[in-house]
N, C-alpha and C. Protein backbone atom coordinates (compact mmCIF):
# COMPACT_ATOMS: atom_id res chain seq x y z
N MET A 1 41.99 -18.70 -4.85
CA MET A 1 40.81 -18.55 -5.68
C MET A 1 41.26 -18.17 -7.08
N SER A 2 40.61 -18.68 -8.08
CA SER A 2 40.98 -18.40 -9.46
C SER A 2 40.50 -17.02 -9.87
N VAL A 3 41.01 -16.56 -11.03
CA VAL A 3 40.60 -15.26 -11.55
C VAL A 3 39.11 -15.28 -11.86
N GLN A 4 38.64 -16.40 -12.43
CA GLN A 4 37.22 -16.52 -12.75
C GLN A 4 36.39 -16.51 -11.47
N GLY A 5 36.86 -17.19 -10.43
CA GLY A 5 36.15 -17.20 -9.15
C GLY A 5 36.09 -15.82 -8.53
N ASP A 6 37.21 -15.07 -8.62
CA ASP A 6 37.22 -13.70 -8.11
C ASP A 6 36.23 -12.84 -8.87
N HIS A 7 36.19 -13.04 -10.21
CA HIS A 7 35.29 -12.25 -11.05
C HIS A 7 33.83 -12.54 -10.72
N SER A 8 33.47 -13.82 -10.55
CA SER A 8 32.07 -14.15 -10.25
C SER A 8 31.69 -13.66 -8.84
N HIS A 9 32.64 -13.72 -7.90
CA HIS A 9 32.38 -13.21 -6.55
C HIS A 9 32.15 -11.70 -6.61
N HIS A 10 32.95 -11.01 -7.40
CA HIS A 10 32.79 -9.56 -7.57
C HIS A 10 31.44 -9.25 -8.22
N ASP A 11 31.05 -10.02 -9.22
CA ASP A 11 29.76 -9.82 -9.89
C ASP A 11 28.61 -10.01 -8.91
N ARG A 12 28.69 -11.04 -8.06
CA ARG A 12 27.64 -11.27 -7.06
C ARG A 12 27.56 -10.11 -6.09
N ARG A 13 28.72 -9.61 -5.64
CA ARG A 13 28.73 -8.49 -4.70
C ARG A 13 28.11 -7.25 -5.35
N GLN A 14 28.41 -7.03 -6.64
CA GLN A 14 27.83 -5.89 -7.34
C GLN A 14 26.31 -6.05 -7.47
N ALA A 15 25.86 -7.26 -7.77
CA ALA A 15 24.42 -7.50 -7.90
C ALA A 15 23.72 -7.27 -6.56
N VAL A 16 24.33 -7.75 -5.48
CA VAL A 16 23.75 -7.54 -4.15
C VAL A 16 23.70 -6.05 -3.84
N SER A 17 24.77 -5.33 -4.14
CA SER A 17 24.80 -3.88 -3.90
C SER A 17 23.72 -3.17 -4.70
N ARG A 18 23.55 -3.55 -5.97
CA ARG A 18 22.50 -2.94 -6.80
C ARG A 18 21.12 -3.21 -6.22
N ASN A 19 20.90 -4.44 -5.77
CA ASN A 19 19.60 -4.79 -5.19
C ASN A 19 19.32 -3.98 -3.92
N ILE A 20 20.33 -3.84 -3.08
CA ILE A 20 20.17 -3.07 -1.85
C ILE A 20 19.88 -1.61 -2.20
N GLU A 21 20.62 -1.06 -3.15
CA GLU A 21 20.39 0.33 -3.57
C GLU A 21 18.97 0.50 -4.11
N THR A 22 18.49 -0.46 -4.87
CA THR A 22 17.14 -0.39 -5.43
C THR A 22 16.11 -0.37 -4.32
N ILE A 23 16.27 -1.23 -3.34
CA ILE A 23 15.31 -1.29 -2.22
C ILE A 23 15.35 0.01 -1.42
N VAL A 24 16.55 0.53 -1.18
CA VAL A 24 16.67 1.79 -0.44
C VAL A 24 16.00 2.92 -1.22
N LYS A 25 16.20 2.96 -2.53
CA LYS A 25 15.57 4.00 -3.35
C LYS A 25 14.05 3.89 -3.30
N LEU A 26 13.53 2.67 -3.38
CA LEU A 26 12.08 2.49 -3.31
C LEU A 26 11.53 2.95 -1.97
N GLU A 27 12.23 2.64 -0.89
CA GLU A 27 11.78 3.07 0.43
C GLU A 27 11.87 4.58 0.59
N GLU A 28 12.92 5.19 0.03
CA GLU A 28 13.04 6.65 0.08
C GLU A 28 11.92 7.30 -0.74
N GLU A 29 11.59 6.69 -1.88
CA GLU A 29 10.50 7.20 -2.71
C GLU A 29 9.18 7.12 -1.95
N ASP A 30 8.94 6.02 -1.26
CA ASP A 30 7.73 5.89 -0.44
C ASP A 30 7.69 6.99 0.62
N GLU A 31 8.84 7.26 1.24
CA GLU A 31 8.92 8.29 2.28
C GLU A 31 8.62 9.67 1.70
N ARG A 32 9.15 9.95 0.50
CA ARG A 32 8.91 11.25 -0.13
C ARG A 32 7.44 11.43 -0.52
N GLN A 33 6.75 10.35 -0.80
CA GLN A 33 5.35 10.44 -1.21
C GLN A 33 4.40 10.69 -0.04
N LEU A 34 4.91 10.58 1.18
CA LEU A 34 4.08 10.86 2.35
C LEU A 34 3.78 12.34 2.43
N SER A 35 2.63 12.67 2.97
CA SER A 35 2.30 14.08 3.17
C SER A 35 3.25 14.66 4.21
N SER A 36 3.35 15.99 4.23
CA SER A 36 4.26 16.63 5.18
C SER A 36 3.84 16.36 6.62
N VAL A 37 2.53 16.21 6.85
CA VAL A 37 2.05 15.89 8.20
C VAL A 37 2.54 14.51 8.62
N HIS A 38 2.45 13.53 7.71
CA HIS A 38 2.93 12.18 8.04
C HIS A 38 4.45 12.17 8.24
N GLN A 39 5.16 12.91 7.39
CA GLN A 39 6.62 12.97 7.56
C GLN A 39 6.98 13.56 8.92
N ALA A 40 6.29 14.62 9.30
CA ALA A 40 6.55 15.24 10.60
C ALA A 40 6.22 14.28 11.73
N SER A 41 5.10 13.57 11.62
CA SER A 41 4.73 12.63 12.68
C SER A 41 5.74 11.48 12.77
N HIS A 42 6.30 11.05 11.66
CA HIS A 42 7.33 10.01 11.68
C HIS A 42 8.58 10.51 12.39
N LYS A 43 8.94 11.77 12.13
CA LYS A 43 10.13 12.34 12.78
C LYS A 43 9.90 12.47 14.28
N VAL A 44 8.72 12.91 14.66
CA VAL A 44 8.40 13.01 16.09
C VAL A 44 8.43 11.61 16.71
N GLY A 45 7.81 10.63 16.04
CA GLY A 45 7.80 9.26 16.55
C GLY A 45 9.20 8.70 16.69
N TRP A 46 10.08 9.06 15.75
CA TRP A 46 11.46 8.60 15.84
C TRP A 46 12.15 9.26 17.04
N PHE A 47 11.99 10.59 17.17
CA PHE A 47 12.67 11.33 18.24
C PHE A 47 12.22 10.86 19.62
N VAL A 48 10.95 10.54 19.76
CA VAL A 48 10.42 10.10 21.07
C VAL A 48 11.13 8.81 21.52
N GLY A 49 11.57 8.03 20.59
CA GLY A 49 12.23 6.77 20.94
C GLY A 49 13.72 6.90 21.18
N THR A 50 14.21 8.10 21.42
CA THR A 50 15.65 8.28 21.65
C THR A 50 15.92 8.71 23.08
N VAL A 51 17.16 8.57 23.49
CA VAL A 51 17.57 8.99 24.83
C VAL A 51 17.56 10.52 24.92
N TYR A 52 17.73 11.20 23.79
CA TYR A 52 17.70 12.66 23.78
C TYR A 52 16.34 13.18 24.23
N PHE A 53 15.29 12.49 23.83
CA PHE A 53 13.95 12.88 24.24
C PHE A 53 13.80 12.72 25.75
N VAL A 54 14.25 11.61 26.28
CA VAL A 54 14.14 11.36 27.73
C VAL A 54 14.91 12.43 28.50
N ILE A 55 16.12 12.75 28.06
CA ILE A 55 16.92 13.76 28.73
C ILE A 55 16.23 15.12 28.66
N SER A 56 15.72 15.49 27.48
CA SER A 56 15.05 16.80 27.35
C SER A 56 13.80 16.85 28.23
N GLN A 57 13.05 15.76 28.31
CA GLN A 57 11.86 15.72 29.17
C GLN A 57 12.25 15.93 30.63
N LEU A 58 13.27 15.24 31.07
CA LEU A 58 13.72 15.38 32.46
C LEU A 58 14.15 16.81 32.75
N ILE A 59 14.90 17.41 31.84
CA ILE A 59 15.37 18.78 32.03
C ILE A 59 14.18 19.73 32.11
N LEU A 60 13.22 19.57 31.19
CA LEU A 60 12.06 20.47 31.19
C LEU A 60 11.23 20.35 32.47
N VAL A 61 11.01 19.13 32.94
CA VAL A 61 10.22 18.93 34.16
C VAL A 61 10.96 19.50 35.37
N VAL A 62 12.26 19.28 35.45
CA VAL A 62 13.03 19.82 36.57
C VAL A 62 13.01 21.34 36.53
N LEU A 63 13.23 21.93 35.36
CA LEU A 63 13.20 23.39 35.24
C LEU A 63 11.83 23.95 35.63
N TRP A 64 10.77 23.28 35.17
CA TRP A 64 9.39 23.71 35.50
C TRP A 64 9.20 23.70 37.03
N ALA A 65 9.61 22.61 37.64
CA ALA A 65 9.43 22.48 39.09
C ALA A 65 10.27 23.51 39.84
N VAL A 66 11.52 23.66 39.47
CA VAL A 66 12.40 24.62 40.15
C VAL A 66 11.86 26.03 39.97
N TRP A 67 11.45 26.36 38.76
CA TRP A 67 10.91 27.69 38.47
C TRP A 67 9.69 27.99 39.36
N ASN A 68 8.82 27.00 39.52
CA ASN A 68 7.58 27.22 40.28
C ASN A 68 7.74 27.05 41.78
N VAL A 69 8.80 26.44 42.24
CA VAL A 69 9.01 26.29 43.68
C VAL A 69 9.73 27.51 44.23
N TYR A 70 10.69 28.03 43.50
CA TYR A 70 11.54 29.10 44.03
C TYR A 70 11.15 30.50 43.57
N ARG A 71 10.11 30.65 42.82
CA ARG A 71 9.63 31.98 42.42
C ARG A 71 8.66 32.51 43.46
N PRO A 72 8.66 33.82 43.67
CA PRO A 72 7.71 34.38 44.64
C PRO A 72 6.25 34.19 44.23
N SER A 73 5.96 34.29 42.94
CA SER A 73 4.57 34.10 42.49
C SER A 73 4.56 33.04 41.37
N PRO A 74 4.51 31.75 41.74
CA PRO A 74 4.56 30.68 40.73
C PRO A 74 3.28 30.66 39.88
N PHE A 75 3.44 30.34 38.59
CA PHE A 75 2.27 30.24 37.72
C PHE A 75 1.65 28.84 37.81
N ASP A 76 2.40 27.87 38.37
CA ASP A 76 1.88 26.50 38.55
C ASP A 76 2.41 25.97 39.89
N PRO A 77 1.76 26.36 40.99
CA PRO A 77 2.28 25.98 42.31
C PRO A 77 2.20 24.46 42.54
N TYR A 78 3.04 24.01 43.49
CA TYR A 78 3.03 22.59 43.87
C TYR A 78 1.61 22.19 44.23
N PRO A 79 1.11 21.08 43.77
CA PRO A 79 1.67 19.89 43.13
C PRO A 79 1.67 19.94 41.59
N PHE A 80 1.77 21.11 41.02
CA PHE A 80 1.94 21.33 39.58
C PHE A 80 0.81 20.74 38.72
N PRO A 81 -0.42 21.19 38.92
CA PRO A 81 -1.53 20.65 38.12
C PRO A 81 -1.41 20.98 36.64
N LEU A 82 -0.87 22.16 36.30
CA LEU A 82 -0.71 22.51 34.89
C LEU A 82 0.32 21.61 34.22
N LEU A 83 1.42 21.35 34.92
CA LEU A 83 2.44 20.43 34.39
C LEU A 83 1.84 19.05 34.18
N SER A 84 1.05 18.59 35.13
CA SER A 84 0.41 17.27 35.00
C SER A 84 -0.50 17.22 33.77
N ALA A 85 -1.25 18.30 33.56
CA ALA A 85 -2.15 18.35 32.39
C ALA A 85 -1.35 18.32 31.09
N PHE A 86 -0.26 19.12 31.03
CA PHE A 86 0.58 19.14 29.83
C PHE A 86 1.20 17.77 29.57
N LEU A 87 1.69 17.13 30.62
CA LEU A 87 2.32 15.82 30.44
C LEU A 87 1.30 14.76 30.03
N ALA A 88 0.08 14.85 30.53
CA ALA A 88 -0.96 13.90 30.13
C ALA A 88 -1.31 14.09 28.66
N LEU A 89 -1.47 15.35 28.23
CA LEU A 89 -1.76 15.63 26.82
C LEU A 89 -0.60 15.17 25.95
N GLU A 90 0.60 15.45 26.39
CA GLU A 90 1.79 15.04 25.64
C GLU A 90 1.83 13.51 25.50
N ALA A 91 1.50 12.80 26.55
CA ALA A 91 1.51 11.33 26.51
C ALA A 91 0.53 10.82 25.46
N VAL A 92 -0.66 11.41 25.40
CA VAL A 92 -1.65 10.98 24.42
C VAL A 92 -1.15 11.26 23.01
N LEU A 93 -0.63 12.47 22.77
CA LEU A 93 -0.16 12.83 21.44
C LEU A 93 1.05 12.00 21.01
N LEU A 94 1.99 11.81 21.93
CA LEU A 94 3.19 11.04 21.58
C LEU A 94 2.85 9.58 21.31
N THR A 95 1.89 9.04 22.04
CA THR A 95 1.45 7.67 21.77
C THR A 95 0.89 7.58 20.36
N SER A 96 0.12 8.58 19.97
CA SER A 96 -0.43 8.59 18.60
C SER A 96 0.68 8.66 17.57
N PHE A 97 1.67 9.54 17.79
CA PHE A 97 2.78 9.65 16.84
C PHE A 97 3.54 8.34 16.73
N VAL A 98 3.78 7.70 17.85
CA VAL A 98 4.50 6.42 17.84
C VAL A 98 3.68 5.36 17.11
N LEU A 99 2.38 5.34 17.33
CA LEU A 99 1.53 4.36 16.63
C LEU A 99 1.48 4.62 15.14
N ILE A 100 1.45 5.88 14.73
CA ILE A 100 1.48 6.21 13.30
C ILE A 100 2.77 5.70 12.68
N ARG A 101 3.88 5.95 13.36
CA ARG A 101 5.18 5.47 12.85
C ARG A 101 5.21 3.94 12.83
N GLN A 102 4.67 3.31 13.85
CA GLN A 102 4.65 1.85 13.91
C GLN A 102 3.81 1.27 12.77
N ASN A 103 2.69 1.90 12.46
CA ASN A 103 1.86 1.44 11.35
C ASN A 103 2.62 1.51 10.03
N ALA A 104 3.36 2.60 9.83
CA ALA A 104 4.16 2.74 8.62
C ALA A 104 5.24 1.67 8.56
N MET A 105 5.87 1.40 9.70
CA MET A 105 6.91 0.37 9.74
C MET A 105 6.31 -1.02 9.48
N ASP A 106 5.10 -1.26 9.99
CA ASP A 106 4.43 -2.54 9.73
C ASP A 106 4.13 -2.71 8.25
N LEU A 107 3.69 -1.63 7.59
CA LEU A 107 3.42 -1.69 6.16
C LEU A 107 4.70 -1.98 5.39
N GLN A 108 5.78 -1.31 5.77
CA GLN A 108 7.07 -1.54 5.12
C GLN A 108 7.52 -2.99 5.35
N SER A 109 7.33 -3.49 6.55
CA SER A 109 7.71 -4.87 6.85
C SER A 109 6.87 -5.86 6.04
N GLU A 110 5.59 -5.55 5.89
CA GLU A 110 4.72 -6.41 5.09
C GLU A 110 5.17 -6.45 3.64
N ARG A 111 5.55 -5.29 3.10
CA ARG A 111 6.06 -5.25 1.73
C ARG A 111 7.33 -6.09 1.60
N ARG A 112 8.22 -5.96 2.58
CA ARG A 112 9.45 -6.75 2.54
C ARG A 112 9.14 -8.24 2.62
N ASN A 113 8.17 -8.61 3.44
CA ASN A 113 7.80 -10.02 3.54
C ASN A 113 7.27 -10.55 2.21
N HIS A 114 6.47 -9.73 1.51
CA HIS A 114 5.97 -10.14 0.19
C HIS A 114 7.13 -10.30 -0.79
N LEU A 115 8.08 -9.37 -0.73
CA LEU A 115 9.26 -9.46 -1.59
C LEU A 115 10.05 -10.72 -1.27
N ASP A 116 10.24 -11.01 0.02
CA ASP A 116 10.94 -12.23 0.43
C ASP A 116 10.25 -13.47 -0.11
N LEU A 117 8.92 -13.49 -0.03
CA LEU A 117 8.17 -14.63 -0.54
C LEU A 117 8.41 -14.81 -2.03
N GLN A 118 8.34 -13.71 -2.79
CA GLN A 118 8.55 -13.80 -4.23
C GLN A 118 9.97 -14.29 -4.55
N ILE A 119 10.95 -13.77 -3.83
CA ILE A 119 12.33 -14.21 -4.05
C ILE A 119 12.50 -15.68 -3.70
N ASN A 120 11.89 -16.11 -2.60
CA ASN A 120 11.98 -17.52 -2.21
C ASN A 120 11.32 -18.42 -3.24
N LEU A 121 10.18 -17.99 -3.79
CA LEU A 121 9.53 -18.80 -4.83
C LEU A 121 10.38 -18.87 -6.09
N LEU A 122 11.02 -17.77 -6.47
CA LEU A 122 11.91 -17.79 -7.63
C LEU A 122 13.12 -18.69 -7.37
N ALA A 123 13.68 -18.60 -6.18
CA ALA A 123 14.83 -19.45 -5.84
C ALA A 123 14.44 -20.92 -5.86
N GLU A 124 13.22 -21.21 -5.38
CA GLU A 124 12.75 -22.60 -5.41
C GLU A 124 12.62 -23.10 -6.85
N ARG A 125 12.08 -22.24 -7.72
CA ARG A 125 11.96 -22.62 -9.13
C ARG A 125 13.31 -22.91 -9.75
N GLU A 126 14.29 -22.06 -9.43
CA GLU A 126 15.63 -22.27 -9.96
C GLU A 126 16.23 -23.57 -9.42
N ALA A 127 16.03 -23.83 -8.13
CA ALA A 127 16.54 -25.07 -7.54
C ALA A 127 15.87 -26.29 -8.19
N ASP A 128 14.56 -26.20 -8.44
CA ASP A 128 13.85 -27.29 -9.12
C ASP A 128 14.42 -27.51 -10.52
N SER A 129 14.70 -26.43 -11.20
CA SER A 129 15.26 -26.52 -12.55
C SER A 129 16.63 -27.19 -12.50
N ILE A 130 17.43 -26.84 -11.51
CA ILE A 130 18.75 -27.45 -11.36
C ILE A 130 18.61 -28.94 -11.05
N LEU A 131 17.66 -29.29 -10.18
CA LEU A 131 17.44 -30.71 -9.87
C LEU A 131 17.02 -31.50 -11.11
N ARG A 132 16.12 -30.92 -11.90
CA ARG A 132 15.70 -31.61 -13.14
C ARG A 132 16.86 -31.77 -14.12
N ALA A 133 17.70 -30.72 -14.22
CA ALA A 133 18.87 -30.80 -15.10
C ALA A 133 19.84 -31.87 -14.60
N LEU A 134 20.04 -31.92 -13.30
CA LEU A 134 20.93 -32.93 -12.71
C LEU A 134 20.39 -34.33 -12.97
N GLU A 135 19.08 -34.50 -12.83
CA GLU A 135 18.48 -35.81 -13.10
C GLU A 135 18.64 -36.18 -14.58
N ALA A 136 18.49 -35.19 -15.48
CA ALA A 136 18.66 -35.46 -16.91
C ALA A 136 20.11 -35.83 -17.22
N ILE A 137 21.06 -35.13 -16.61
CA ILE A 137 22.48 -35.45 -16.82
C ILE A 137 22.78 -36.85 -16.29
N ALA A 138 22.25 -37.15 -15.11
CA ALA A 138 22.47 -38.48 -14.53
C ALA A 138 21.87 -39.56 -15.42
N ALA A 139 20.70 -39.32 -15.97
CA ALA A 139 20.07 -40.30 -16.86
C ALA A 139 20.89 -40.48 -18.14
N LYS A 140 21.39 -39.39 -18.71
CA LYS A 140 22.17 -39.46 -19.95
C LYS A 140 23.45 -40.26 -19.76
N PHE A 141 24.08 -40.13 -18.60
CA PHE A 141 25.32 -40.85 -18.35
C PHE A 141 25.08 -42.12 -17.55
N ASP A 142 23.82 -42.51 -17.44
CA ASP A 142 23.42 -43.74 -16.77
C ASP A 142 23.98 -43.83 -15.34
N ILE A 143 23.80 -42.71 -14.62
CA ILE A 143 24.22 -42.66 -13.21
C ILE A 143 22.96 -42.75 -12.38
N GLU A 144 22.99 -43.66 -11.42
CA GLU A 144 21.82 -43.84 -10.57
C GLU A 144 21.92 -42.89 -9.37
N LEU A 145 20.91 -42.04 -9.25
CA LEU A 145 20.85 -41.12 -8.11
C LEU A 145 20.03 -41.77 -7.01
N PRO A 146 20.45 -41.56 -5.75
CA PRO A 146 19.64 -42.11 -4.66
C PRO A 146 18.28 -41.42 -4.63
N GLN A 147 17.23 -42.22 -4.52
CA GLN A 147 15.87 -41.66 -4.48
C GLN A 147 15.46 -41.46 -3.02
N GLU A 148 15.24 -40.22 -2.66
CA GLU A 148 14.78 -39.88 -1.33
C GLU A 148 13.48 -39.12 -1.46
N ALA A 149 12.67 -39.23 -0.44
CA ALA A 149 11.37 -38.55 -0.47
C ALA A 149 11.55 -37.04 -0.62
N GLU A 150 12.58 -36.48 0.05
CA GLU A 150 12.78 -35.03 -0.06
C GLU A 150 13.13 -34.63 -1.49
N THR A 151 13.93 -35.45 -2.19
CA THR A 151 14.32 -35.14 -3.55
C THR A 151 13.11 -35.18 -4.47
N ASP A 152 12.24 -36.18 -4.28
CA ASP A 152 11.04 -36.27 -5.11
C ASP A 152 10.13 -35.07 -4.87
N GLU A 153 9.99 -34.69 -3.62
CA GLU A 153 9.14 -33.53 -3.29
C GLU A 153 9.75 -32.24 -3.80
N ALA A 154 11.06 -32.12 -3.75
CA ALA A 154 11.72 -30.88 -4.15
C ALA A 154 11.52 -30.60 -5.63
N GLY A 155 11.34 -31.63 -6.45
CA GLY A 155 11.17 -31.44 -7.88
C GLY A 155 9.79 -30.94 -8.26
N ARG A 156 8.86 -30.94 -7.32
CA ARG A 156 7.49 -30.49 -7.62
C ARG A 156 7.30 -29.04 -7.20
N ASP A 157 6.41 -28.36 -7.89
CA ASP A 157 6.09 -26.98 -7.53
C ASP A 157 5.42 -26.94 -6.18
N THR A 158 5.76 -25.92 -5.41
CA THR A 158 5.13 -25.72 -4.11
C THR A 158 3.76 -25.12 -4.32
N GLN A 159 2.78 -25.67 -3.66
CA GLN A 159 1.43 -25.15 -3.73
C GLN A 159 1.27 -24.08 -2.66
N VAL A 160 1.53 -22.83 -3.05
CA VAL A 160 1.52 -21.72 -2.10
C VAL A 160 0.16 -21.59 -1.43
N GLU A 161 -0.89 -21.77 -2.20
CA GLU A 161 -2.23 -21.64 -1.65
C GLU A 161 -2.46 -22.67 -0.54
N SER A 162 -2.01 -23.88 -0.77
CA SER A 162 -2.16 -24.93 0.23
C SER A 162 -1.39 -24.60 1.51
N ILE A 163 -0.17 -24.11 1.35
CA ILE A 163 0.65 -23.74 2.51
C ILE A 163 -0.01 -22.60 3.27
N ALA A 164 -0.52 -21.61 2.53
CA ALA A 164 -1.18 -20.46 3.18
C ALA A 164 -2.40 -20.92 3.97
N ARG A 165 -3.18 -21.84 3.40
CA ARG A 165 -4.35 -22.36 4.12
C ARG A 165 -3.93 -23.11 5.38
N ASP A 166 -2.87 -23.93 5.27
CA ASP A 166 -2.38 -24.66 6.44
C ASP A 166 -1.93 -23.70 7.54
N LEU A 167 -1.19 -22.65 7.15
CA LEU A 167 -0.73 -21.66 8.13
C LEU A 167 -1.91 -20.97 8.79
N LYS A 168 -2.92 -20.62 7.99
CA LYS A 168 -4.09 -19.93 8.53
C LYS A 168 -4.84 -20.83 9.51
N SER A 169 -4.99 -22.11 9.13
CA SER A 169 -5.73 -23.01 10.04
C SER A 169 -4.94 -23.24 11.34
N GLN A 170 -3.62 -23.33 11.25
CA GLN A 170 -2.80 -23.49 12.47
C GLN A 170 -2.90 -22.25 13.34
N LYS A 171 -2.90 -21.07 12.69
CA LYS A 171 -3.02 -19.82 13.44
C LYS A 171 -4.39 -19.73 14.10
N ASP A 172 -5.44 -20.13 13.38
CA ASP A 172 -6.79 -20.11 13.93
C ASP A 172 -6.91 -21.06 15.12
N GLU A 173 -6.31 -22.25 15.00
CA GLU A 173 -6.35 -23.22 16.10
C GLU A 173 -5.59 -22.70 17.32
N ALA A 174 -4.46 -22.03 17.08
CA ALA A 174 -3.67 -21.51 18.19
C ALA A 174 -4.39 -20.38 18.92
N SER A 175 -5.13 -19.57 18.18
CA SER A 175 -5.83 -18.46 18.81
C SER A 175 -7.14 -18.88 19.46
N ALA A 176 -7.65 -20.07 19.13
CA ALA A 176 -8.92 -20.53 19.71
C ALA A 176 -8.75 -21.06 21.11
């Protein structure tokens, strides 16, 4: 690889790193702007999805059962109705925490999808510009380029509204 090639590869890597850092900073800023209640619920939702939570739950249930089976005066005798009530309440609350976290993740995913769309539209514009420049260079040097339907279509702007309507109608047909 040439020195110039190494330099441009390094520049691209730096640009990618800057872009990633920018996105991470924006996501961290979004996280900091959440209320303390939402931040706590996100942490609970995260912890519930780990093996540590499963292990701690198993340990607590076993300890509860052992404590109440082998004590002379158990506070929750077999079949452990108090434990059942606590676990049912916990299930409802943990489901809510997980759903709150999932909603936040869906919003973040939606933002990323919008960003992807914008980047793809910019990349398409750049590709169209390159195709037009290539056609102009070919015309100047009297070089005949093969005409293909894809090449003709690629030179035109994409009608995002039309594509969105087509996707919506296909989605509506699939759900009907």
